[in-house]
Amino acid sequence: MAAPKALVNLKAVKEIAVQFCPFLRNVRATREFLARVNVERVRKTNYACVLRTDVRHDGSAPCVTVSFNDDEKLVMKSERLLCEEMLSAVQKLCQQKEPPSDTKK
């Protein structure tokens, strides 16, 4: 049985833009990333997060751009990246940008 996939928390994300040419061989990880952030469990973490998909037929390299609430951007040229690497990079930055929760009782 496969290990459960980590849930990405999009609270600190304003927009995710995914660009790829579906006819190239090196877009599998990009398409998998798109599928993983587009599931309802992930989308529930921030309904205000806009997910844009730009499917091109020009042979351009796949690219994922994540815009955060503080206007910082993470641009990943995903041609040679794995889906897990992209997800962990996004999750790491989201955890850094998320305000600490108030656990005082």
PDB file of N, CA and C in Angstrom:
ATOM      1  N   MET A   1       0.844  -1.174   0.000  1.00  0.00           N
ATOM      2  CA  MET A   1       0.000   0.000   0.000  1.00  0.00           C
ATOM      3  C   MET A   1       0.887   1.235   0.000  1.00  0.00           C
ATOM      4  N   ALA A   2       0.519   2.237  -0.784  1.00  0.00           N
ATOM      5  CA  ALA A   2       1.314   3.462  -0.901  1.00  0.00           C
ATOM      6  C   ALA A   2       1.163   4.322   0.348  1.00  0.00           C
ATOM      7  N   ALA A   3       2.192   5.093   0.621  1.00  0.00           N
ATOM      8  CA  ALA A   3       2.152   6.005   1.763  1.00  0.00           C
ATOM      9  C   ALA A   3       1.151   7.127   1.482  1.00  0.00           C
ATOM     10  N   PRO A   4       0.472   7.623   2.515  1.00  0.00           N
ATOM     11  CA  PRO A   4      -0.482   8.699   2.289  1.00  0.00           C
ATOM     12  C   PRO A   4       0.229   9.963   1.818  1.00  0.00           C
ATOM     13  N   LYS A   5      -0.426  10.674   0.931  1.00  0.00           N
ATOM     14  CA  LYS A   5       0.173  11.885   0.380  1.00  0.00           C
ATOM     15  C   LYS A   5      -0.028  13.037   1.340  1.00  0.00           C
ATOM     16  N   ALA A   6       1.007  13.846   1.489  1.00  0.00           N
ATOM     17  CA  ALA A   6       0.961  14.965   2.424  1.00  0.00           C
ATOM     18  C   ALA A   6      -0.041  16.011   1.947  1.00  0.00           C
ATOM     19  N   LEU A   7      -0.745  16.585   2.872  1.00  0.00           N
ATOM     20  CA  LEU A   7      -1.713  17.618   2.574  1.00  0.00           C
ATOM     21  C   LEU A   7      -1.010  18.971   2.566  1.00  0.00           C
ATOM     22  N   VAL A   8      -1.169  19.713   1.501  1.00  0.00           N
ATOM     23  CA  VAL A   8      -0.573  21.035   1.391  1.00  0.00           C
ATOM     24  C   VAL A   8      -1.561  22.040   1.970  1.00  0.00           C
ATOM     25  N   ASN A   9      -1.052  22.954   2.776  1.00  0.00           N
ATOM     26  CA  ASN A   9      -1.869  23.987   3.389  1.00  0.00           C
ATOM     27  C   ASN A   9      -1.640  25.287   2.616  1.00  0.00           C
ATOM     28  N   LEU A  10      -2.692  25.801   1.997  1.00  0.00           N
ATOM     29  CA  LEU A  10      -2.568  26.972   1.132  1.00  0.00           C
ATOM     30  C   LEU A  10      -2.970  28.285   1.798  1.00  0.00           C
ATOM     31  N   LYS A  11      -2.971  28.343   3.127  1.00  0.00           N
ATOM     32  CA  LYS A  11      -3.412  29.555   3.827  1.00  0.00           C
ATOM     33  C   LYS A  11      -2.617  30.785   3.429  1.00  0.00           C
ATOM     34  N   ALA A  12      -1.337  30.646   3.181  1.00  0.00           N
ATOM     35  CA  ALA A  12      -0.479  31.790   2.868  1.00  0.00           C
ATOM     36  C   ALA A  12      -0.364  32.058   1.371  1.00  0.00           C
ATOM     37  N   VAL A  13      -1.120  31.317   0.551  1.00  0.00           N
ATOM     38  CA  VAL A  13      -0.994  31.419  -0.900  1.00  0.00           C
ATOM     39  C   VAL A  13      -2.138  32.234  -1.492  1.00  0.00           C
ATOM     40  N   LYS A  14      -1.775  33.160  -2.369  1.00  0.00           N
ATOM     41  CA  LYS A  14      -2.773  33.979  -3.056  1.00  0.00           C
ATOM     42  C   LYS A  14      -3.145  33.362  -4.406  1.00  0.00           C
ATOM     43  N   GLU A  15      -2.138  32.862  -5.128  1.00  0.00           N
ATOM     44  CA  GLU A  15      -2.384  32.335  -6.470  1.00  0.00           C
ATOM     45  C   GLU A  15      -1.338  31.303  -6.843  1.00  0.00           C
ATOM     46  N   ILE A  16      -1.768  30.285  -7.581  1.00  0.00           N
ATOM     47  CA  ILE A  16      -0.864  29.285  -8.148  1.00  0.00           C
ATOM     48  C   ILE A  16      -1.117  29.277  -9.648  1.00  0.00           C
ATOM     49  N   ALA A  17      -0.066  29.524 -10.428  1.00  0.00           N
ATOM     50  CA  ALA A  17      -0.159  29.504 -11.887  1.00  0.00           C
ATOM     51  C   ALA A  17       0.689  28.350 -12.412  1.00  0.00           C
ATOM     52  N   VAL A  18       0.062  27.466 -13.172  1.00  0.00           N
ATOM     53  CA  VAL A  18       0.745  26.300 -13.725  1.00  0.00           C
ATOM     54  C   VAL A  18       0.730  26.425 -15.244  1.00  0.00           C
ATOM     55  N   GLN A  19       1.905  26.349 -15.855  1.00  0.00           N
ATOM     56  CA  GLN A  19       2.023  26.478 -17.312  1.00  0.00           C
ATOM     57  C   GLN A  19       2.769  25.272 -17.854  1.00  0.00           C
ATOM     58  N   PHE A  20       2.229  24.644 -18.897  1.00  0.00           N
ATOM     59  CA  PHE A  20       2.917  23.512 -19.504  1.00  0.00           C
ATOM     60  C   PHE A  20       2.387  23.241 -20.911  1.00  0.00           C
ATOM     61  N   CYS A  21       3.195  22.562 -21.693  1.00  0.00           N
ATOM     62  CA  CYS A  21       2.808  22.068 -23.012  1.00  0.00           C
ATOM     63  C   CYS A  21       2.571  20.566 -22.850  1.00  0.00           C
ATOM     64  N   PRO A  22       1.345  20.093 -23.034  1.00  0.00           N
ATOM     65  CA  PRO A  22       1.040  18.694 -22.739  1.00  0.00           C
ATOM     66  C   PRO A  22       1.714  17.680 -23.657  1.00  0.00           C
ATOM     67  N   PHE A  23       2.309  18.136 -24.737  1.00  0.00           N
ATOM     68  CA  PHE A  23       2.903  17.221 -25.690  1.00  0.00           C
ATOM     69  C   PHE A  23       4.380  16.946 -25.431  1.00  0.00           C
ATOM     70  N   LEU A  24       4.941  17.568 -24.408  1.00  0.00           N
ATOM     71  CA  LEU A  24       6.333  17.307 -24.046  1.00  0.00           C
ATOM     72  C   LEU A  24       6.397  16.157 -23.052  1.00  0.00           C
ATOM     73  N   ARG A  25       7.530  15.485 -23.008  1.00  0.00           N
ATOM     74  CA  ARG A  25       7.701  14.340 -22.111  1.00  0.00           C
ATOM     75  C   ARG A  25       7.888  14.747 -20.651  1.00  0.00           C
ATOM     76  N   ASN A  26       8.422  15.926 -20.404  1.00  0.00           N
ATOM     77  CA  ASN A  26       8.856  16.305 -19.065  1.00  0.00           C
ATOM     78  C   ASN A  26       7.795  17.065 -18.263  1.00  0.00           C
ATOM     79  N   VAL A  27       6.525  16.853 -18.549  1.00  0.00           N
ATOM     80  CA  VAL A  27       5.479  17.604 -17.841  1.00  0.00           C
ATOM     81  C   VAL A  27       4.699  16.749 -16.845  1.00  0.00           C
ATOM     82  N   ARG A  28       5.076  15.514 -16.685  1.00  0.00           N
ATOM     83  CA  ARG A  28       4.322  14.632 -15.797  1.00  0.00           C
ATOM     84  C   ARG A  28       4.266  15.163 -14.367  1.00  0.00           C
ATOM     85  N   ALA A  29       5.393  15.586 -13.821  1.00  0.00           N
ATOM     86  CA  ALA A  29       5.430  16.092 -12.446  1.00  0.00           C
ATOM     87  C   ALA A  29       4.598  17.366 -12.308  1.00  0.00           C
ATOM     88  N   THR A  30       4.615  18.199 -13.334  1.00  0.00           N
ATOM     89  CA  THR A  30       3.836  19.439 -13.304  1.00  0.00           C
ATOM     90  C   THR A  30       2.349  19.134 -13.299  1.00  0.00           C
ATOM     91  N   ARG A  31       1.933  18.195 -14.122  1.00  0.00           N
ATOM     92  CA  ARG A  31       0.515  17.810 -14.166  1.00  0.00           C
ATOM     93  C   ARG A  31       0.096  17.139 -12.851  1.00  0.00           C
ATOM     94  N   GLU A  32       0.989  16.343 -12.278  1.00  0.00           N
ATOM     95  CA  GLU A  32       0.689  15.710 -10.994  1.00  0.00           C
ATOM     96  C   GLU A  32       0.576  16.762  -9.889  1.00  0.00           C
ATOM     97  N   PHE A  33       1.455  17.762  -9.906  1.00  0.00           N
ATOM     98  CA  PHE A  33       1.379  18.864  -8.946  1.00  0.00           C
ATOM     99  C   PHE A  33       0.031  19.571  -9.072  1.00  0.00           C
ATOM    100  N   LEU A  34      -0.374  19.861 -10.290  1.00  0.00           N
ATOM    101  CA  LEU A  34      -1.657  20.510 -10.530  1.00  0.00           C
ATOM    102  C   LEU A  34      -2.804  19.669  -9.971  1.00  0.00           C
ATOM    103  N   ALA A  35      -2.754  18.386 -10.206  1.00  0.00           N
ATOM    104  CA  ALA A  35      -3.808  17.497  -9.697  1.00  0.00           C
ATOM    105  C   ALA A  35      -3.817  17.453  -8.170  1.00  0.00           C
ATOM    106  N   ARG A  36      -2.650  17.472  -7.563  1.00  0.00           N
ATOM    107  CA  ARG A  36      -2.563  17.367  -6.103  1.00  0.00           C
ATOM    108  C   ARG A  36      -3.018  18.634  -5.391  1.00  0.00           C
ATOM    109  N   VAL A  37      -2.801  19.814  -5.982  1.00  0.00           N
ATOM    110  CA  VAL A  37      -3.261  21.048  -5.334  1.00  0.00           C
ATOM    111  C   VAL A  37      -4.709  21.367  -5.689  1.00  0.00           C
ATOM    112  N   ASN A  38      -5.268  20.649  -6.644  1.00  0.00           N
ATOM    113  CA  ASN A  38      -6.633  20.921  -7.071  1.00  0.00           C
ATOM    114  C   ASN A  38      -7.669  20.011  -6.401  1.00  0.00           C
ATOM    115  N   VAL A  39      -7.259  19.148  -5.510  1.00  0.00           N
ATOM    116  CA  VAL A  39      -8.225  18.292  -4.811  1.00  0.00           C
ATOM    117  C   VAL A  39      -8.957  19.105  -3.744  1.00  0.00           C
ATOM    118  N   GLU A  40     -10.152  18.686  -3.421  1.00  0.00           N
ATOM    119  CA  GLU A  40     -11.012  19.449  -2.509  1.00  0.00           C
ATOM    120  C   GLU A  40     -10.385  19.637  -1.126  1.00  0.00           C
ATOM    121  N   ARG A  41      -9.707  18.618  -0.616  1.00  0.00           N
ATOM    122  CA  ARG A  41      -9.091  18.734   0.724  1.00  0.00           C
ATOM    123  C   ARG A  41      -8.072  19.859   0.776  1.00  0.00           C
ATOM    124  N   VAL A  42      -7.305  20.038  -0.296  1.00  0.00           N
ATOM    125  CA  VAL A  42      -6.302  21.096  -0.342  1.00  0.00           C
ATOM    126  C   VAL A  42      -6.975  22.438  -0.595  1.00  0.00           C
ATOM    127  N   ARG A  43      -7.927  22.477  -1.504  1.00  0.00           N
ATOM    128  CA  ARG A  43      -8.612  23.732  -1.822  1.00  0.00           C
ATOM    129  C   ARG A  43      -9.355  24.290  -0.608  1.00  0.00           C
ATOM    130  N   LYS A  44      -9.825  23.414   0.280  1.00  0.00           N
ATOM    131  CA  LYS A  44     -10.524  23.851   1.496  1.00  0.00           C
ATOM    132  C   LYS A  44      -9.633  24.668   2.424  1.00  0.00           C
ATOM    133  N   THR A  45      -8.330  24.493   2.338  1.00  0.00           N
ATOM    134  CA  THR A  45      -7.424  25.227   3.229  1.00  0.00           C
ATOM    135  C   THR A  45      -7.383  26.711   2.899  1.00  0.00           C
ATOM    136  N   ASN A  46      -7.777  27.087   1.666  1.00  0.00           N
ATOM    137  CA  ASN A  46      -7.851  28.504   1.296  1.00  0.00           C
ATOM    138  C   ASN A  46      -8.694  28.625   0.033  1.00  0.00           C
ATOM    139  N   TYR A  47      -9.982  28.915   0.218  1.00  0.00           N
ATOM    140  CA  TYR A  47     -10.865  29.062  -0.936  1.00  0.00           C
ATOM    141  C   TYR A  47     -10.544  30.303  -1.761  1.00  0.00           C
ATOM    142  N   ALA A  48      -9.843  31.266  -1.182  1.00  0.00           N
ATOM    143  CA  ALA A  48      -9.489  32.491  -1.894  1.00  0.00           C
ATOM    144  C   ALA A  48      -8.292  32.288  -2.836  1.00  0.00           C
ATOM    145  N   CYS A  49      -7.605  31.184  -2.713  1.00  0.00           N
ATOM    146  CA  CYS A  49      -6.450  30.904  -3.572  1.00  0.00           C
ATOM    147  C   CYS A  49      -6.928  30.634  -4.997  1.00  0.00           C
ATOM    148  N   VAL A  50      -6.353  31.381  -5.940  1.00  0.00           N
ATOM    149  CA  VAL A  50      -6.718  31.239  -7.348  1.00  0.00           C
ATOM    150  C   VAL A  50      -5.760  30.244  -7.992  1.00  0.00           C
ATOM    151  N   LEU A  51      -6.314  29.286  -8.715  1.00  0.00           N
ATOM    152  CA  LEU A  51      -5.505  28.300  -9.416  1.00  0.00           C
ATOM    153  C   LEU A  51      -5.672  28.526 -10.911  1.00  0.00           C
ATOM    154  N   ARG A  52      -4.593  28.962 -11.553  1.00  0.00           N
ATOM    155  CA  ARG A  52      -4.629  29.251 -12.995  1.00  0.00           C
ATOM    156  C   ARG A  52      -3.825  28.192 -13.741  1.00  0.00           C
ATOM    157  N   THR A  53      -4.400  27.724 -14.834  1.00  0.00           N
ATOM    158  CA  THR A  53      -3.725  26.739 -15.665  1.00  0.00           C
ATOM    159  C   THR A  53      -3.568  27.314 -17.060  1.00  0.00           C
ATOM    160  N   ASP A  54      -2.359  27.298 -17.560  1.00  0.00           N
ATOM    161  CA  ASP A  54      -2.064  27.793 -18.900  1.00  0.00           C
ATOM    162  C   ASP A  54      -1.490  26.632 -19.708  1.00  0.00           C
ATOM    163  N   VAL A  55      -2.347  26.016 -20.523  1.00  0.00           N
ATOM    164  CA  VAL A  55      -1.923  24.897 -21.358  1.00  0.00           C
ATOM    165  C   VAL A  55      -1.532  25.469 -22.716  1.00  0.00           C
ATOM    166  N   ARG A  56      -0.279  25.256 -23.092  1.00  0.00           N
ATOM    167  CA  ARG A  56       0.249  25.821 -24.337  1.00  0.00           C
ATOM    168  C   ARG A  56       0.633  24.721 -25.308  1.00  0.00           C
ATOM    169  N   HIS A  57       0.723  25.113 -26.553  1.00  0.00           N
ATOM    170  CA  HIS A  57       1.181  24.182 -27.580  1.00  0.00           C
ATOM    171  C   HIS A  57       2.345  24.832 -28.337  1.00  0.00           C
ATOM    172  N   ASP A  58       3.309  25.335 -27.560  1.00  0.00           N
ATOM    173  CA  ASP A  58       4.444  26.026 -28.165  1.00  0.00           C
ATOM    174  C   ASP A  58       5.785  25.408 -27.781  1.00  0.00           C
ATOM    175  N   GLY A  59       5.747  24.289 -27.083  1.00  0.00           N
ATOM    176  CA  GLY A  59       6.996  23.632 -26.703  1.00  0.00           C
ATOM    177  C   GLY A  59       7.713  24.283 -25.544  1.00  0.00           C
ATOM    178  N   SER A  60       7.041  25.199 -24.830  1.00  0.00           N
ATOM    179  CA  SER A  60       7.690  25.890 -23.717  1.00  0.00           C
ATOM    180  C   SER A  60       7.864  24.955 -22.523  1.00  0.00           C
ATOM    181  N   ALA A  61       8.879  25.231 -21.739  1.00  0.00           N
ATOM    182  CA  ALA A  61       9.185  24.417 -20.563  1.00  0.00           C
ATOM    183  C   ALA A  61       8.091  24.598 -19.500  1.00  0.00           C
ATOM    184  N   PRO A  62       7.784  23.557 -18.756  1.00  0.00           N
ATOM    185  CA  PRO A  62       6.771  23.678 -17.703  1.00  0.00           C
ATOM    186  C   PRO A  62       7.254  24.578 -16.569  1.00  0.00           C
ATOM    187  N   CYS A  63       6.313  25.313 -15.982  1.00  0.00           N
ATOM    188  CA  CYS A  63       6.654  26.264 -14.940  1.00  0.00           C
ATOM    189  C   CYS A  63       5.491  26.377 -13.950  1.00  0.00           C
ATOM    190  N   VAL A  64       5.819  26.445 -12.679  1.00  0.00           N
ATOM    191  CA  VAL A  64       4.822  26.652 -11.624  1.00  0.00           C
ATOM    192  C   VAL A  64       5.221  27.914 -10.870  1.00  0.00           C
ATOM    193  N   THR A  65       4.295  28.867 -10.783  1.00  0.00           N
ATOM    194  CA  THR A  65       4.530  30.110 -10.060  1.00  0.00           C
ATOM    195  C   THR A  65       3.536  30.206  -8.917  1.00  0.00           C
ATOM    196  N   VAL A  66       4.052  30.340  -7.704  1.00  0.00           N
ATOM    197  CA  VAL A  66       3.215  30.452  -6.517  1.00  0.00           C
ATOM    198  C   VAL A  66       3.364  31.864  -5.966  1.00  0.00           C
ATOM    199  N   SER A  67       2.250  32.591  -5.883  1.00  0.00           N
ATOM    200  CA  SER A  67       2.244  33.944  -5.318  1.00  0.00           C
ATOM    201  C   SER A  67       1.676  33.879  -3.912  1.00  0.00           C
ATOM    202  N   PHE A  68       2.419  34.430  -2.966  1.00  0.00           N
ATOM    203  CA  PHE A  68       1.995  34.395  -1.570  1.00  0.00           C
ATOM    204  C   PHE A  68       1.270  35.683  -1.198  1.00  0.00           C
ATOM    205  N   ASN A  69       0.606  35.689  -0.064  1.00  0.00           N
ATOM    206  CA  ASN A  69      -0.163  36.835   0.407  1.00  0.00           C
ATOM    207  C   ASN A  69       0.711  38.067   0.637  1.00  0.00           C
ATOM    208  N   ASP A  70       2.000  37.870   0.921  1.00  0.00           N
ATOM    209  CA  ASP A  70       2.899  39.006   1.147  1.00  0.00           C
ATOM    210  C   ASP A  70       3.581  39.455  -0.156  1.00  0.00           C
ATOM    211  N   ASP A  71       3.026  39.056  -1.290  1.00  0.00           N
ATOM    212  CA  ASP A  71       3.488  39.404  -2.639  1.00  0.00           C
ATOM    213  C   ASP A  71       4.839  38.803  -3.016  1.00  0.00           C
ATOM    214  N   GLU A  72       5.333  37.870  -2.252  1.00  0.00           N
ATOM    215  CA  GLU A  72       6.532  37.132  -2.642  1.00  0.00           C
ATOM    216  C   GLU A  72       6.113  36.043  -3.621  1.00  0.00           C
ATOM    217  N   LYS A  73       7.006  35.700  -4.552  1.00  0.00           N
ATOM    218  CA  LYS A  73       6.701  34.673  -5.541  1.00  0.00           C
ATOM    219  C   LYS A  73       7.748  33.574  -5.507  1.00  0.00           C
ATOM    220  N   LEU A  74       7.291  32.370  -5.710  1.00  0.00           N
ATOM    221  CA  LEU A  74       8.154  31.208  -5.870  1.00  0.00           C
ATOM    222  C   LEU A  74       7.945  30.710  -7.293  1.00  0.00           C
ATOM    223  N   VAL A  75       8.993  30.772  -8.109  1.00  0.00           N
ATOM    224  CA  VAL A  75       8.922  30.313  -9.490  1.00  0.00           C
ATOM    225  C   VAL A  75       9.737  29.038  -9.598  1.00  0.00           C
ATOM    226  N   MET A  76       9.071  27.972 -10.011  1.00  0.00           N
ATOM    227  CA  MET A  76       9.748  26.680 -10.141  1.00  0.00           C
ATOM    228  C   MET A  76       9.716  26.257 -11.601  1.00  0.00           C
ATOM    229  N   LYS A  77      10.879  26.158 -12.200  1.00  0.00           N
ATOM    230  CA  LYS A  77      10.993  25.593 -13.539  1.00  0.00           C
ATOM    231  C   LYS A  77      10.927  24.086 -13.346  1.00  0.00           C
ATOM    232  N   SER A  78       9.788  23.522 -13.609  1.00  0.00           N
ATOM    233  CA  SER A  78       9.503  22.154 -13.170  1.00  0.00           C
ATOM    234  C   SER A  78       9.923  21.083 -14.164  1.00  0.00           C
ATOM    235  N   GLU A  79      10.717  21.449 -15.126  1.00  0.00           N
ATOM    236  CA  GLU A  79      11.162  20.501 -16.141  1.00  0.00           C
ATOM    237  C   GLU A  79      11.904  19.302 -15.538  1.00  0.00           C
ATOM    238  N   ARG A  80      12.722  19.561 -14.530  1.00  0.00           N
ATOM    239  CA  ARG A  80      13.522  18.486 -13.929  1.00  0.00           C
ATOM    240  C   ARG A  80      13.234  18.315 -12.439  1.00  0.00           C
ATOM    241  N   LEU A  81      12.056  18.699 -12.017  1.00  0.00           N
ATOM    242  CA  LEU A  81      11.671  18.548 -10.620  1.00  0.00           C
ATOM    243  C   LEU A  81      10.624  17.450 -10.479  1.00  0.00           C
ATOM    244  N   LEU A  82      10.601  16.851  -9.319  1.00  0.00           N
ATOM    245  CA  LEU A  82       9.554  15.881  -9.000  1.00  0.00           C
ATOM    246  C   LEU A  82       8.387  16.608  -8.351  1.00  0.00           C
ATOM    247  N   CYS A  83       7.225  16.018  -8.423  1.00  0.00           N
ATOM    248  CA  CYS A  83       6.043  16.601  -7.803  1.00  0.00           C
ATOM    249  C   CYS A  83       6.257  16.794  -6.302  1.00  0.00           C
ATOM    250  N   GLU A  84       6.844  15.815  -5.659  1.00  0.00           N
ATOM    251  CA  GLU A  84       7.081  15.893  -4.221  1.00  0.00           C
ATOM    252  C   GLU A  84       8.020  17.041  -3.863  1.00  0.00           C
ATOM    253  N   GLU A  85       9.012  17.305  -4.711  1.00  0.00           N
ATOM    254  CA  GLU A  85       9.932  18.410  -4.472  1.00  0.00           C
ATOM    255  C   GLU A  85       9.203  19.749  -4.550  1.00  0.00           C
ATOM    256  N   MET A  86       8.327  19.885  -5.523  1.00  0.00           N
ATOM    257  CA  MET A  86       7.562  21.134  -5.652  1.00  0.00           C
ATOM    258  C   MET A  86       6.601  21.304  -4.480  1.00  0.00           C
ATOM    259  N   LEU A  87       5.909  20.232  -4.102  1.00  0.00           N
ATOM    260  CA  LEU A  87       4.978  20.309  -2.977  1.00  0.00           C
ATOM    261  C   LEU A  87       5.690  20.645  -1.678  1.00  0.00           C
ATOM    262  N   SER A  88       6.854  20.045  -1.453  1.00  0.00           N
ATOM    263  CA  SER A  88       7.574  20.319  -0.207  1.00  0.00           C
ATOM    264  C   SER A  88       8.112  21.749  -0.182  1.00  0.00           C
ATOM    265  N   ALA A  89       8.532  22.289  -1.327  1.00  0.00           N
ATOM    266  CA  ALA A  89       8.998  23.676  -1.383  1.00  0.00           C
ATOM    267  C   ALA A  89       7.860  24.639  -1.063  1.00  0.00           C
ATOM    268  N   VAL A  90       6.688  24.382  -1.622  1.00  0.00           N
ATOM    269  CA  VAL A  90       5.520  25.228  -1.347  1.00  0.00           C
ATOM    270  C   VAL A  90       5.118  25.111   0.113  1.00  0.00           C
ATOM    271  N   GLN A  91       5.068  23.897   0.622  1.00  0.00           N
ATOM    272  CA  GLN A  91       4.659  23.693   2.015  1.00  0.00           C
ATOM    273  C   GLN A  91       5.644  24.333   2.988  1.00  0.00           C
ATOM    274  N   LYS A  92       6.926  24.242   2.695  1.00  0.00           N
ATOM    275  CA  LYS A  92       7.939  24.836   3.571  1.00  0.00           C
ATOM    276  C   LYS A  92       7.762  26.355   3.659  1.00  0.00           C
ATOM    277  N   LEU A  93       7.567  27.001   2.518  1.00  0.00           N
ATOM    278  CA  LEU A  93       7.364  28.449   2.521  1.00  0.00           C
ATOM    279  C   LEU A  93       6.035  28.828   3.171  1.00  0.00           C
ATOM    280  N   CYS A  94       5.015  28.026   2.958  1.00  0.00           N
ATOM    281  CA  CYS A  94       3.712  28.291   3.588  1.00  0.00           C
ATOM    282  C   CYS A  94       3.819  28.222   5.108  1.00  0.00           C
ATOM    283  N   GLN A  95       4.561  27.263   5.616  1.00  0.00           N
ATOM    284  CA  GLN A  95       4.739  27.135   7.062  1.00  0.00           C
ATOM    285  C   GLN A  95       5.515  28.318   7.619  1.00  0.00           C
ATOM    286  N   GLN A  96       6.497  28.820   6.885  1.00  0.00           N
ATOM    287  CA  GLN A  96       7.269  29.976   7.336  1.00  0.00           C
ATOM    288  C   GLN A  96       6.421  31.242   7.350  1.00  0.00           C
ATOM    289  N   LYS A  97       5.499  31.368   6.405  1.00  0.00           N
ATOM    290  CA  LYS A  97       4.706  32.578   6.275  1.00  0.00           C
ATOM    291  C   LYS A  97       3.428  32.554   7.115  1.00  0.00           C
ATOM    292  N   GLU A  98       3.027  31.392   7.541  1.00  0.00           N
ATOM    293  CA  GLU A  98       1.803  31.292   8.326  1.00  0.00           C
ATOM    294  C   GLU A  98       2.028  31.876   9.716  1.00  0.00           C
ATOM    295  N   PRO A  99       1.132  32.738  10.156  1.00  0.00           N
ATOM    296  CA  PRO A  99       1.302  33.306  11.496  1.00  0.00           C
ATOM    297  C   PRO A  99       1.182  32.217  12.545  1.00  0.00           C
ATOM    298  N   PRO A 100       1.945  32.318  13.623  1.00  0.00           N
ATOM    299  CA  PRO A 100       1.881  31.283  14.667  1.00  0.00           C
ATOM    300  C   PRO A 100       0.487  31.242  15.284  1.00  0.00           C
ATOM    301  N   SER A 101       0.007  30.033  15.481  1.00  0.00           N
ATOM    302  CA  SER A 101      -1.320  29.896  16.082  1.00  0.00           C
ATOM    303  C   SER A 101      -1.255  30.178  17.561  1.00  0.00           C
ATOM    304  N   ASP A 102      -2.290  30.764  18.079  1.00  0.00           N
ATOM    305  CA  ASP A 102      -2.358  31.134  19.489  1.00  0.00           C
ATOM    306  C   ASP A 102      -2.892  29.935  20.276  1.00  0.00           C
ATOM    307  N   THR A 103      -2.005  29.246  20.965  1.00  0.00           N
ATOM    308  CA  THR A 103      -2.399  28.027  21.676  1.00  0.00           C
ATOM    309  C   THR A 103      -2.586  28.266  23.174  1.00  0.00           C
ATOM    310  N   LYS A 104      -2.673  29.504  23.598  1.00  0.00           N
ATOM    311  CA  LYS A 104      -2.867  29.788  25.025  1.00  0.00           C
ATOM    312  C   LYS A 104      -4.291  29.462  25.411  1.00  0.00           C
ATOM    313  N   LYS A 105      -4.449  28.928  26.620  1.00  0.00           N
ATOM    314  CA  LYS A 105      -5.785  28.585  27.114  1.00  0.00           C
ATOM    315  C   LYS A 105      -6.116  29.417  28.303  1.00  0.00           C
TER     316      LYS A 105
END
